């Protein structure tokens, strides 16, 4: 199965099943939750497919460990670590995650809920632009100090024209479109910037402040208490923010200051 180890779960069972079927084989996926990542996607596919056997075994239910052993483990770990490692929690926070406290507070205060589009308010967008990497677009409305994130879109390999079409199809009444500073840089090939191309499709870009990554994270933390998320349309965004974390230095067994660059980075940026 090594040759299939990096296949995205979105390709299951279309790729894995034929590869196994022609050998009369089967696959076993076994692991510990670490947020709602690719393993979670495989789990949900199995859970909803009658041809798959899918089971969760919590330490508190299996009796493989005594209550005393579980208690000792709890004393040595944070509650989040224990819930993840021993109780198979998909919701437990990720070690080194930047927004653990903020996401938890948003859940407790019911700010992750149904957030409807208000056609009396303009919709603003914030972009993180990539080509081979994902482009991420966040859609929000403001009233007073409330920041209502009503929608989120992420994809890769698409043109600015494609994204302009996505915005048009959503039917929102738009305000400002915030682009990162590098989107204003002119290309050597044609002397145009991403912003110039966006303008051709009716998207007038506003430049975001040029902050360091850590400065941006701190500013996000400062306004997080005012943010409301639509739980359906922003599910992937919420999960990205939940798992956005510091890079880990295995040699020195410590977390670096800067974030790990992975699938969560684009939404968080």
Foldseek 3Di string as FASTA:
>chain_A
DVVCPPPALVCPPVPVVVVQVVVVHDDDDDDFAAACDRSVSNLVVQVPDPVHDHDDDAQVPPVPDDPVVLVVVPVVDPPLVSCRGHVRDNPRFHPQALCQVLLVVCVVVVLAAADDDDQVWAWEWEWDDDAQAKIKIWIWTDDDLATEGNAIDIDHNDALVVVLVVVVVVPGHHDAYEYEPQQCDADPVPRHGVQRVNVVSVHHYDYDDDDDPVVLSVVCVVSSVRYGYHCPRCVVLSSLSRHFGFPADPVVRGGDPDTDDDNSPRSSD
